[in-house]
Structure formats: structure tokens, C-alpha cells
Protein backbone atom coordinates (compact mmCIF):
# COMPACT_ATOMS: atom_id res chain seq x y z
CA MET A 1 -3.57 35.12 -67.56
CA ASN A 2 0.14 34.90 -68.36
CA ILE A 3 0.80 31.47 -69.88
CA LYS A 4 4.35 31.30 -68.55
CA ARG A 5 3.07 31.62 -64.99
CA VAL A 6 1.13 28.38 -65.51
CA PHE A 7 4.38 26.48 -65.20
CA ALA A 8 6.32 28.74 -62.83
CA ALA A 9 4.96 26.53 -60.06
CA ALA A 10 2.62 23.56 -60.01
CA PHE A 11 -0.94 24.41 -59.17
CA ALA A 12 -2.30 22.50 -56.19
CA VAL A 13 -5.99 21.79 -56.65
CA ALA A 14 -7.90 19.78 -54.07
CA VAL A 15 -10.12 17.11 -55.58
CA THR A 16 -11.72 13.92 -54.36
CA VAL A 17 -10.36 10.82 -56.06
CA GLN A 18 -12.72 7.88 -55.92
CA GLY A 19 -11.52 4.31 -56.21
CA ALA A 20 -7.77 5.02 -56.30
CA ILE A 21 -5.97 1.69 -56.24
CA VAL A 22 -2.47 0.31 -56.07
CA GLY A 23 -2.65 -3.03 -57.80
CA PRO A 24 -5.95 -4.79 -57.14
CA SER A 25 -6.86 -3.25 -53.77
CA ALA A 26 -9.30 -0.32 -53.89
CA ALA A 27 -9.43 2.74 -51.65
CA SER A 28 -11.19 6.09 -51.57
CA TYR A 29 -9.52 9.24 -50.33
CA THR A 30 -8.93 12.91 -50.89
CA THR A 31 -5.66 14.05 -52.41
CA VAL A 32 -4.07 17.14 -53.92
CA LEU A 33 -3.32 16.96 -57.62
CA PRO A 34 -0.03 18.44 -58.82
CA TYR A 35 -1.39 19.54 -62.19
CA GLU A 36 -3.86 22.08 -63.56
CA ASN A 37 -6.24 21.63 -66.47
CA TYR A 38 -6.09 24.45 -69.01
CA ILE A 39 -6.67 25.34 -72.63
CA TYR A 40 -5.59 28.32 -74.74
CA SER A 41 -7.64 31.30 -75.84
CA GLU A 42 -8.55 31.33 -79.53
CA THR A 43 -8.35 35.12 -79.47
CA ASP A 44 -4.95 35.93 -77.94
CA GLY A 45 -3.35 32.56 -77.10
CA THR A 46 -3.28 33.07 -73.34
CA ALA A 47 -3.88 30.13 -71.02
CA ILE A 48 -7.37 29.62 -69.58
CA ARG A 49 -7.73 27.72 -66.32
CA CYS A 50 -10.45 25.10 -66.46
CA PRO A 51 -12.09 22.67 -64.04
CA GLN A 52 -10.33 19.34 -63.83
CA ALA A 53 -11.45 17.14 -66.73
CA TYR A 54 -9.61 13.95 -65.70
CA VAL A 55 -8.40 12.79 -62.29
CA PRO A 56 -6.43 9.66 -61.31
CA ASP A 57 -8.47 6.78 -59.96
CA ALA A 58 -6.09 3.83 -60.33
CA VAL A 59 -2.37 3.21 -60.01
CA ILE A 60 -1.07 -0.11 -61.29
CA SER A 61 2.34 -1.39 -60.22
CA GLY A 62 4.06 -4.78 -60.18
CA GLU A 63 4.02 -4.86 -56.41
CA GLY A 64 0.31 -4.04 -56.32
CA LEU A 65 -0.37 -6.88 -58.77
CA GLY A 66 1.53 -9.34 -56.58
CA ILE A 67 4.49 -9.71 -58.97
CA THR A 68 7.96 -8.19 -59.13
CA ASP A 69 8.25 -4.49 -59.91
CA PHE A 70 8.17 -3.35 -63.52
CA ASN A 71 11.67 -2.81 -64.91
CA ASN A 72 11.99 -0.54 -67.94
CA ALA A 73 8.33 -1.02 -68.85
CA SER A 74 8.34 0.98 -72.07
CA ASP A 75 4.95 0.59 -73.74
CA PHE A 76 1.49 -0.92 -73.39
CA ASP A 77 -1.59 -1.53 -75.49
CA VAL A 78 -5.27 -2.24 -74.93
CA ASP A 79 -7.21 -4.79 -76.99
CA ASN A 80 -10.85 -4.75 -78.05
CA ASN A 81 -11.87 -6.46 -74.81
CA TYR A 82 -10.10 -3.75 -72.79
CA CYS A 83 -7.39 -6.11 -71.61
CA VAL A 84 -4.06 -4.34 -71.02
CA TYR A 85 -0.74 -5.69 -72.38
CA ILE A 86 2.33 -4.17 -70.67
CA LEU A 87 5.74 -4.54 -72.30
CA ASP A 88 7.97 -5.06 -69.25
CA SER A 89 11.15 -5.03 -71.29
CA SER A 90 13.99 -5.66 -68.84
CA ASN A 91 11.98 -8.30 -67.00
CA GLN A 92 11.60 -10.17 -70.32
CA ARG A 93 7.84 -10.47 -70.01
CA ILE A 94 4.45 -9.15 -71.02
CA VAL A 95 2.09 -8.48 -68.15
CA VAL A 96 -1.55 -8.95 -69.16
CA LEU A 97 -4.42 -7.43 -67.17
CA ASN A 98 -8.11 -8.11 -67.60
CA SER A 99 -10.71 -5.38 -68.11
CA ASP A 100 -10.92 -4.92 -64.33
CA LEU A 101 -7.16 -4.20 -64.24
CA GLN A 102 -6.48 -7.46 -62.42
CA LEU A 103 -3.55 -9.72 -63.32
CA LYS A 104 -4.65 -12.14 -66.03
CA GLN A 105 -1.47 -13.63 -67.48
CA LEU A 106 2.33 -13.39 -67.52
CA ILE A 107 4.01 -14.10 -70.85
CA ALA A 108 7.72 -14.86 -70.44
CA LEU A 109 10.05 -14.00 -73.31
CA THR A 110 13.06 -16.31 -73.36
CA GLU A 111 15.57 -17.99 -75.65
CA SER A 112 15.15 -16.77 -79.25
CA ALA A 113 12.68 -14.06 -78.21
CA THR A 114 14.85 -12.43 -75.54
CA LEU A 115 14.39 -8.66 -75.61
CA ASN A 116 17.01 -5.94 -75.81
CA ASP A 117 15.56 -2.54 -74.85
CA ALA A 118 12.24 -3.26 -76.57
CA LYS A 119 10.22 -0.05 -76.95
CA GLY A 120 6.90 -0.83 -78.62
CA ILE A 121 3.96 -3.22 -78.48
CA THR A 122 0.62 -3.53 -80.25
CA VAL A 123 -2.10 -6.17 -79.98
CA THR A 124 -4.52 -7.38 -82.65
CA ASP A 125 -7.37 -9.90 -82.41
CA ASP A 126 -5.02 -12.87 -82.36
CA LYS A 127 -1.40 -11.67 -82.17
CA ILE A 128 1.04 -9.59 -80.14
CA TYR A 129 3.67 -7.54 -81.99
CA ILE A 130 6.79 -6.36 -80.16
CA CYS A 131 9.40 -3.87 -81.37
CA ASP A 132 12.63 -5.46 -80.09
CA THR A 133 14.51 -2.25 -80.75
CA GLU A 134 18.16 -2.95 -80.07
CA ASN A 135 17.91 -6.40 -81.65
CA SER A 136 16.60 -4.71 -84.83
CA ARG A 137 13.63 -7.03 -85.16
CA ILE A 138 9.92 -7.49 -84.59
CA ILE A 139 8.68 -10.43 -82.53
CA ILE A 140 5.19 -11.82 -83.21
CA LEU A 141 3.46 -13.97 -80.58
CA ASN A 142 0.18 -15.81 -80.34
CA LYS A 143 -2.14 -13.72 -78.23
CA ASP A 144 -3.77 -16.65 -76.43
CA ASP A 145 -0.76 -18.55 -75.12
CA GLY A 146 2.20 -16.26 -75.89
CA SER A 147 3.90 -18.80 -78.12
CA LEU A 148 6.30 -17.55 -80.77
CA VAL A 149 4.82 -17.14 -84.26
CA LYS A 150 7.54 -15.38 -86.18
CA ILE A 151 10.54 -13.08 -85.93
CA ILE A 152 10.91 -10.38 -88.59
CA GLY A 153 14.38 -8.96 -88.98
CA ALA A 154 15.61 -5.85 -90.74
CA PRO A 155 13.98 -5.50 -94.19
CA GLN A 156 16.10 -5.85 -97.30
CA SER A 157 15.57 -3.61 -100.31
CA SER A 158 17.67 -1.58 -102.72
CA VAL A 159 15.43 1.37 -101.84
CA LEU A 160 16.68 1.32 -98.26
CA GLY A 161 20.36 1.63 -99.13
CA GLU A 162 23.40 0.09 -97.50
CA ASP A 163 23.41 2.52 -94.55
CA PHE A 164 19.84 1.77 -93.43
CA ILE A 165 19.62 0.79 -89.76
CA PHE A 166 16.41 -0.81 -88.51
CA LYS A 167 15.49 0.38 -85.00
CA PRO A 168 11.77 -0.43 -84.57
CA ALA A 169 10.29 1.68 -81.78
CA LYS A 170 6.51 1.79 -82.34
CA ILE A 171 4.23 -0.32 -84.50
CA ALA A 172 0.69 -0.47 -85.88
CA VAL A 173 -0.92 -3.33 -87.80
CA ASP A 174 -3.82 -2.89 -90.24
CA ASP A 175 -6.64 -5.29 -91.14
CA ASN A 176 -4.46 -6.90 -93.84
CA ASN A 177 -1.78 -7.66 -91.23
CA ASP A 178 0.61 -5.21 -92.89
CA LEU A 179 3.06 -3.61 -90.48
CA TYR A 180 3.67 0.13 -90.06
CA VAL A 181 6.84 0.67 -88.07
CA VAL A 182 8.36 3.80 -86.57
CA SER A 183 12.10 3.18 -86.87
CA GLY A 184 14.49 5.41 -84.92
CA GLY A 185 16.61 7.62 -87.14
CA THR A 186 14.53 6.89 -90.25
CA TYR A 187 13.34 10.18 -91.75
CA GLU A 188 11.91 8.98 -95.07
CA GLY A 189 8.65 7.82 -93.51
CA ILE A 190 7.00 5.02 -91.60
CA VAL A 191 8.51 1.66 -92.63
CA ASN A 192 5.71 -0.36 -94.25
CA LEU A 193 6.21 -4.16 -94.25
CA SER A 194 4.08 -7.08 -95.30
CA CYS A 195 3.07 -9.72 -92.76
CA ASP A 196 6.09 -11.73 -93.94
CA GLY A 197 8.47 -8.83 -93.40
CA ASP A 198 8.90 -7.82 -97.04
CA PHE A 199 9.55 -4.12 -97.55
CA ILE A 200 6.55 -2.42 -99.21
CA GLY A 201 7.73 1.18 -99.01
CA PHE A 202 7.84 4.29 -96.89
CA PHE A 203 4.46 5.46 -95.65
CA SER A 204 3.47 9.12 -95.15
CA GLY A 205 6.92 10.71 -95.17
CA ASN A 206 7.48 14.21 -93.83
CA ALA A 207 8.60 16.95 -96.18
CA VAL A 208 11.89 18.71 -95.52
CA THR A 209 11.25 21.87 -93.53
CA THR A 210 13.56 24.87 -93.67
CA SER A 211 13.25 28.62 -93.78
CA SER A 212 13.68 30.86 -96.83
CA TRP A 213 16.58 32.51 -95.01
CA ASP A 214 18.42 29.17 -94.74
CA LEU A 215 17.87 28.45 -98.43
CA PHE A 216 19.11 31.92 -99.35
CA TRP A 217 22.39 31.53 -97.46
CA ARG A 218 22.97 28.00 -98.74
CA ARG A 219 22.79 29.34 -102.31
CA PHE A 220 25.70 31.72 -101.68
CA SER A 221 27.75 29.49 -99.35
CA SER A 222 30.94 27.72 -100.27
CA VAL A 223 31.15 23.93 -100.35
CA LYS A 224 32.98 23.97 -97.02
CA GLN A 225 30.32 26.20 -95.44
CA LYS A 226 27.52 24.01 -96.75
CA LYS A 227 29.15 20.94 -95.20
CA SER A 228 29.35 22.72 -91.85
CA MET A 229 25.67 23.69 -91.96
CA LEU A 230 22.97 21.59 -90.31
CA GLN A 231 21.69 19.09 -92.83
CA LEU A 232 18.15 19.77 -94.03
CA VAL A 233 16.30 16.59 -93.15
CA PRO A 234 12.66 15.89 -92.29
CA GLN A 235 11.65 15.54 -88.65
CA ASP A 236 11.94 12.21 -86.88
CA PHE A 237 8.77 10.21 -86.24
CA SER A 238 7.92 9.31 -82.65
CA SER A 239 4.75 7.18 -82.57
CA ILE A 240 1.84 5.70 -84.49
CA ASP A 241 -1.62 4.44 -83.59
CA LEU A 242 -4.55 3.09 -85.58
CA ASP A 243 -8.12 4.22 -84.91
CA ASP A 244 -11.38 2.30 -85.29
CA GLU A 245 -11.93 3.64 -88.80
CA GLY A 246 -8.58 2.42 -90.13
CA PHE A 247 -6.84 5.80 -90.07
CA PHE A 248 -3.36 6.30 -88.64
CA TYR A 249 -2.40 8.90 -86.07
CA ILE A 250 1.30 9.70 -86.45
CA THR A 251 3.41 12.06 -84.33
CA THR A 252 6.77 13.74 -84.72
CA TYR A 253 9.04 14.99 -81.96
CA THR A 254 9.02 18.50 -83.44
CA THR A 255 6.44 20.64 -85.18
CA VAL A 256 5.77 20.13 -88.90
CA ASN A 257 3.40 22.54 -90.66
CA ASN A 258 2.14 23.93 -87.36
CA SER A 259 1.40 20.49 -85.90
CA MET A 260 3.10 17.46 -84.37
CA VAL A 261 0.22 15.16 -85.37
CA LYS A 262 -1.00 13.73 -88.67
CA ARG A 263 -4.16 11.74 -89.31
CA VAL A 264 -3.34 9.65 -92.33
CA ASN A 265 -5.67 7.63 -94.53
CA PRO A 266 -4.62 4.19 -95.89
CA GLY A 267 -3.37 5.93 -99.03
CA GLY A 268 -0.80 7.87 -97.03
CA ASN A 269 -2.48 11.28 -97.26
CA ASN A 270 -2.67 13.52 -94.21
CA ILE A 271 -6.33 14.46 -93.66
CA ILE A 272 -6.06 15.98 -90.18
CA ARG A 273 -8.22 19.04 -89.53
CA THR A 274 -6.64 21.92 -87.65
CA LEU A 275 -9.35 24.57 -87.43
CA SER A 276 -8.18 25.98 -84.11
CA ASN A 277 -6.02 29.09 -83.99
CA ILE A 278 -3.72 27.23 -81.57
CA PRO A 279 -1.30 24.70 -83.13
CA VAL A 280 -1.64 21.00 -82.32
CA SER A 281 1.75 21.01 -80.63
CA GLY A 282 1.22 21.09 -76.87
CA ASP A 283 2.23 24.31 -75.15
CA PRO A 284 2.91 26.97 -77.80
CA TYR A 285 5.98 28.42 -76.12
CA LYS A 286 9.39 27.43 -74.82
CA ILE A 287 10.45 27.06 -71.18
CA GLN A 288 14.04 28.23 -70.73
CA ASN A 289 15.13 26.13 -67.75
CA GLY A 290 14.02 23.66 -65.11
CA SER A 291 12.75 20.10 -65.33
CA MET A 292 10.37 20.93 -68.20
CA ALA A 293 12.74 23.14 -70.20
CA GLY A 294 12.37 23.31 -73.97
CA LEU A 295 9.47 22.99 -76.37
CA SER A 296 6.68 20.46 -76.13
CA SER A 297 7.51 17.16 -77.82
CA PHE A 298 4.96 14.43 -78.51
CA GLY A 299 6.46 11.01 -77.81
CA ASP A 300 3.29 8.93 -78.04
CA ILE A 301 -0.31 9.16 -79.19
CA ALA A 302 -3.52 7.25 -78.52
CA ALA A 303 -6.62 7.27 -80.72
CA GLY A 304 -9.67 7.54 -78.50
CA PRO A 305 -13.44 7.44 -78.93
CA ASP A 306 -15.23 9.94 -81.20
CA LYS A 307 -12.02 10.93 -83.00
CA ILE A 308 -10.52 12.39 -79.82
CA TYR A 309 -6.79 11.76 -79.57
CA ALA A 310 -4.43 12.00 -76.62
CA CYS A 311 -0.85 13.18 -77.13
CA LEU A 312 1.86 12.49 -74.56
CA ASP A 313 4.25 15.43 -74.21
CA VAL A 314 7.53 13.89 -73.01
CA THR A 315 9.03 17.33 -72.34
CA ARG A 316 6.27 18.56 -70.04
CA ASN A 317 5.20 15.09 -68.79
CA ARG A 318 1.68 16.01 -69.74
CA VAL A 319 -1.17 14.69 -71.88
CA PHE A 320 -2.88 17.02 -74.37
CA CYS A 321 -6.24 15.85 -75.74
CA TYR A 322 -7.69 17.20 -78.99
CA ASN A 323 -10.87 16.72 -80.99
CA ASN A 324 -11.14 16.03 -84.71
CA ASP A 325 -10.97 19.75 -85.53
CA GLY A 326 -7.69 20.21 -83.67
CA TYR A 327 -9.14 22.04 -80.66
CA LEU A 328 -7.43 21.42 -77.32
CA LEU A 329 -10.07 19.87 -75.04
CA TYR A 330 -8.19 19.44 -71.77
CA THR A 331 -4.84 18.51 -70.26
CA LEU A 332 -3.69 16.25 -67.44
CA GLY A 333 -0.46 15.31 -65.68
CA THR A 334 2.83 17.10 -65.01
CA TYR A 335 6.41 16.45 -63.89
CA SER A 336 5.94 15.20 -60.32
CA SER A 337 6.31 12.19 -58.08
CA GLN A 338 2.86 12.84 -56.61
CA LEU A 339 -0.28 11.00 -57.63
CA GLY A 340 -1.27 12.28 -61.06
CA GLY A 341 2.30 13.19 -62.05
CA PHE A 342 5.06 11.34 -63.91
CA GLU A 343 8.85 11.16 -63.81
CA LYS A 344 9.39 9.59 -67.25
CA PRO A 345 6.15 8.86 -69.12
CA THR A 346 6.62 6.76 -72.24
CA ALA A 347 3.16 5.69 -73.40
CA VAL A 348 -0.51 6.67 -73.33
CA CYS A 349 -3.59 4.51 -74.03
CA TYR A 350 -7.36 4.71 -73.82
CA ILE A 351 -9.31 2.19 -71.74
CA LYS A 352 -12.87 2.99 -72.87
CA ASP A 353 -13.22 6.66 -71.84
CA ARG A 354 -10.37 6.47 -69.33
CA ILE A 355 -6.82 7.59 -70.13
CA ALA A 356 -3.85 5.56 -68.89
CA VAL A 357 -0.22 6.70 -68.81
CA LEU A 358 2.83 4.46 -68.32
CA ASP A 359 5.71 5.91 -66.28
CA SER A 360 8.78 3.79 -67.09
CA LYS A 361 10.96 5.37 -64.38
CA GLY A 362 8.34 5.19 -61.64
CA GLY A 363 7.37 1.69 -62.73
CA PHE A 364 3.60 2.18 -62.71
CA ILE A 365 0.56 3.02 -64.81
CA THR A 366 -1.79 5.80 -63.73
CA VAL A 367 -5.37 5.51 -64.94
CA PHE A 368 -7.40 8.74 -65.16
CA SER A 369 -11.20 8.92 -65.27
CA PRO A 370 -13.32 11.83 -66.51
CA THR A 371 -14.95 14.18 -64.04
CA GLU A 372 -18.45 15.49 -64.70
CA TYR A 373 -16.85 18.37 -66.59
CA GLY A 374 -14.76 16.03 -68.75
CA ARG A 375 -17.71 13.72 -69.31
CA LEU A 376 -19.85 16.61 -70.57
CA ILE A 377 -17.16 17.61 -73.08
CA ASN A 378 -16.82 14.03 -74.33
CA SER A 379 -20.60 13.63 -74.51
CA GLY A 380 -21.00 16.89 -76.43
CA ILE A 381 -18.45 15.75 -79.02
CA HIS A 382 -20.11 12.33 -79.32
CA LEU A 383 -23.55 13.86 -79.88
CA GLN A 384 -22.18 16.42 -82.32
CA ASN A 385 -20.42 13.71 -84.33
CA ASN A 386 -23.71 11.82 -84.52
CA LEU A 387 -25.54 14.97 -85.71
CA ASP A 388 -27.74 15.14 -82.60
CA TYR A 389 -27.40 18.91 -82.37
CA ASP A 390 -30.21 19.56 -79.90
CA LYS A 391 -28.82 17.23 -77.23
CA ALA A 392 -25.25 18.33 -78.03
CA THR A 393 -26.22 21.96 -77.45
CA GLU A 394 -27.67 21.03 -74.07
CA GLU A 395 -24.36 19.41 -73.08
CA TRP A 396 -22.29 22.36 -74.31
CA LYS A 397 -24.46 24.79 -72.37
CA ARG A 398 -23.81 22.72 -69.25
CA VAL A 399 -20.08 22.93 -70.01
CA LEU A 400 -20.40 26.72 -70.24
CA SER A 401 -22.20 26.79 -66.88
CA MET A 402 -19.06 25.20 -65.38
CA ASN A 403 -16.58 27.16 -67.48
CA SER A 404 -17.94 30.29 -69.17
CA ASN A 405 -14.69 30.82 -71.07
CA TYR A 406 -14.57 27.62 -73.12
CA PRO A 407 -14.22 28.44 -76.85
CA LEU A 408 -15.05 24.96 -78.12
CA ALA A 409 -18.48 24.97 -76.43
CA LEU A 410 -19.33 28.28 -78.11
CA ASN A 411 -18.00 26.90 -81.38
CA MET A 412 -20.10 23.76 -81.16
CA ILE A 413 -23.25 25.64 -80.13
CA GLY A 414 -22.64 27.99 -83.05
CA LYS A 415 -22.23 25.06 -85.47
CA ALA A 416 -25.42 23.45 -84.19
CA ALA A 417 -27.27 26.74 -84.73
CA TYR A 418 -25.73 27.04 -88.19
CA TYR A 419 -26.91 23.57 -89.23
CA GLU A 420 -30.35 24.37 -87.80
CA GLU A 421 -30.30 27.54 -89.97
CA ASP A 422 -30.39 29.90 -86.97
CA TYR A 423 -27.67 32.00 -88.54
CA GLU A 424 -28.08 35.08 -86.37
CA TYR A 425 -27.49 33.10 -83.17
CA ALA A 426 -24.63 31.24 -84.86
CA MET A 427 -22.97 34.57 -85.71
CA ALA A 428 -23.17 35.66 -82.08
CA CYS A 429 -21.49 32.43 -80.91
CA PHE A 430 -18.76 32.53 -83.54
CA LYS A 431 -18.01 36.17 -82.80
CA GLU A 432 -17.53 35.43 -79.12
CA CYS A 433 -15.09 32.54 -79.78
CA ASP A 434 -13.30 34.37 -82.62
CA ASN A 435 -14.18 31.84 -85.32
CA ARG A 436 -13.98 34.29 -88.21
CA ASP A 437 -14.44 31.71 -90.95
CA MET A 438 -17.72 30.35 -89.58
CA TYR A 439 -18.86 33.88 -88.69
CA SER A 440 -18.45 34.89 -92.35
CA LYS A 441 -20.23 31.75 -93.55
CA SER A 442 -23.11 32.40 -91.14
CA ARG A 443 -23.38 36.01 -92.29
CA GLU A 444 -23.48 34.95 -95.93
CA ALA A 445 -26.07 32.29 -95.12
CA LEU A 446 -28.17 34.84 -93.21
CA ARG A 447 -28.03 37.20 -96.20
CA SER A 448 -29.06 34.39 -98.57
CA GLN A 449 -31.82 33.36 -96.19
CA TRP A 450 -33.18 36.91 -96.08
CA ILE A 451 -33.07 37.24 -99.87
CA TYR A 452 -34.84 33.90 -100.36
CA GLY A 453 -37.48 34.80 -97.78
CA ASN A 454 -38.16 38.16 -99.37
CA ILE A 455 -37.74 37.25 -103.03
CA LYS A 456 -41.31 38.23 -103.96
CA ILE A 457 -40.92 41.68 -102.45
CA ILE A 458 -37.52 42.11 -104.09
CA LEU A 459 -38.90 41.11 -107.51
CA ALA A 460 -41.89 43.42 -107.08
CA VAL A 461 -39.63 46.34 -106.23
CA LEU A 462 -37.40 45.58 -109.21
CA LEU A 463 -40.40 45.39 -111.58
CA PHE A 464 -41.72 48.66 -110.20
CA LEU A 465 -38.36 50.35 -110.72
CA ILE A 466 -38.11 48.97 -114.28
CA ALA A 467 -41.65 50.16 -115.08
CA ALA A 468 -40.98 53.57 -113.55
CA ALA A 469 -37.80 53.92 -115.58
CA ALA A 470 -39.66 52.97 -118.78
CA VAL A 471 -42.42 55.54 -118.17
CA SER A 472 -39.93 58.29 -117.51
């Protein structure tokens, strides 16, 4: 299948959407989704059509909640009780929903906490943190009543230099209440602040990326030519999220080292695994024109259950979901005004196993729920992570019964067979999904297993040959 034809026109796939709602009122109806679920072949990189993994089942708007429409709603977050906090920037408020997606609370932001194009929000057990971007500050509120706790302005440090401009766009807060801030135009790294706003340092900076050809020409260029060349600077950060284990997921707008995602430990080291042959960078090709022209660009990320993470591609208006090994699991959404599409998506979050996307232009949140196919994939990963290989294999075989060309299922079945020491079966699975590394490991393990199982015969033969050589 030609991957460029995937986007030449939107696929129309009829599905039944249960419990679709606008605001608090529920309905059930059949609709046509404007997007197709697909992955990429590990062998040749072509697109593989898949059954729908996630379909929309709720649409949340201001009107549906019985309040005024969202206006420049730029970000949202979900707390540990699955309450949703929507940063409705131009309306100077935070809209809070309960776990049933019903209106729970309106927090008005006035006087000293008035927002100016605020872009980011995160919620902890007791506080709400807002990136008030154009006011160059972070606003901290009490979670219970919305009262103002503190305002943190631009950090001061000789390390930052006189030209440093603080434009907080996204924020994460660790268990020590230290702040990790994505600041627009800051290339040195994530801005790490203490709970009092003191500058700690830059966290997990990106290395400068350039080609050998560029470096060669810069060596022989004049001063004037060097000044006219594009400056070699690291890529700009776009978002950050903290998972349940205390690791940070960080994205860049462009690809760095074959990926737009890092999984960073508290020490600042990138420990992300990218075992797939396909880069963790959305669609691996460029569209030349149209509404989705250009390369994929991850503008937001959400850490989900079982080390699955969802990346919001703001070029293609699509969500790409990956597992901990960097394999693309499924996709959802597209550029469309129809249900399941977005005009200007700005944020993605998990609500348990559901995926929610905020469309700032449309002024609504679409909540997607897993289909049976998506649930089987998620269940297989959960069981595999918990080392329950027998049950995981059952789930992956059910996935293959729905989609016979799903490399991850073959990979996972092969890994389960490998850990169960069924190396011959593992080799067959890894060969089919083109996992050459695990195929080689399985072959070596099979050889070692055969030698160990036949060691007495091998020793007897060797002793016989030695004795025969001595006699002769």
C-alpha cells in the first residue's frame, strides 16, 4: 500500500459510536469517521490499514456544559481522580469536570492572576500550575478553592544571560514540587525551577544537530558567509509530561536522533527505547501541499497506562500512540470538522484508558474510547509488562485474528516464546516481523540449548575422537 495515498483523501469508515455526548447529554448513533487507523510495516515502511483502535464517544463543549463557549482553550490536565481541568485562557477561567465529565467547578482568574495567552496547565494533588505565557510567569492556585498561592516570574541567574526571555508554555511538577518548564525559544533545555522559583538549571538539553556537509562548508566559508548561514542550534522543545514512575516524556517539534520523543529519568538522561525500524516521529514522510503539508510535528504528549504514550501531531491533526519499545500501536484523528477530526488540536490527555484531545479552534474536547481491537492491544501490553506471557500470547493471537499483518503482535508472541525458551517458535515469529536482532538472539539461544541438551553425547564423541587419534 502506497503510504502517500493514505492522505490523498480521508478514508470514510462506518463505525457505531456508543454514548456520544455533547456536554452532559448522552446519545447513541452511527456516524462515519473521517480518519483511518494505520501503522507502518517493519519490513519496508509502507502503511498498513488496521481496524479502528479508538473511536469518539464524547464531545465536551462549553455550550453542552451549560456555560459560555470555550475561548482559546489551550491546554487541559487530568488529576489522579480523573477530574479534568481545562485552561480556558481568553475566558479567564479554569473549567473543572468530574470523572463523569460533568461540570464540577468554575475557577475565575481575575485581578493579579489575569491571563495573557496562557498555554499550559498541570495539576498535582493540591495545586494547579498555569503557564501564563505572554505575562512571562507561572501562576499557582489552590486546587480545592482556586485561591492564589503564588506567582513565579522570570527566573534570575547569571547562567541565563541578559537576553533570556521567559515564555512558559508547558509545565510538569515532580514529587519535590520542583518545576520543569518548556519555555518558548529556549533551546538549552527544560527550565528547572524550585518551588520558590529559583533557577536550578537546564534539564535534558538537546544536542546541536547538523550534517557533516554543513560542517565541512562552514570550515571553508568566510566570516560573511558564516553569518549568512542558518545558525546551528538545538531543536525547540514543545511539551513535557510526567508518568506514574517519575519519568519525563519530552517532545520536540522536529526530529532529533530519529525521534521527536525522549523519556528522561530524574537525572536528565534519555532512556527511551526505540526498537522499531520506524522512527518515533509520526508519519515518516513529507506532504508537499494541502492542509496537512509538511513533516509531522509533535506539539503535545501524554503519558498513559503501561508506558504507552500518545503524541499529538499538530501538522497532521492526528494522535500517534507508541509502546515502551517505540512501536506505533495505532493512530486516531485527522484534519476535519467532522466528529473525530480537529481543526487546531493543542493538547492530548489520558482519562484512564480513554484518550482526549482539545481542539482550541473548534472549542471542544473529543474523548475517544478503545474498540475491542484497541482494548486487546492495550491488554496484551499490560500482560506482557507484568510478565504474564501465557495470557499475553492469547491476547496477541486474538489481535492477529483481527489483523493478520500486525508486526507488534508477532514481536510480542515471539518474545513470550523466547522467555519460555521455545526458541524455534520465537525465531519463526521474529522472522515474519523482521526483528533481526531478536531472531539472532533466538538462534544463538537455540544453539546453546541444543549443546546443553546434548553435552554428554558431544563429550563422548570428543573422547572417542581423542582416543582414536592417540591409537593411530
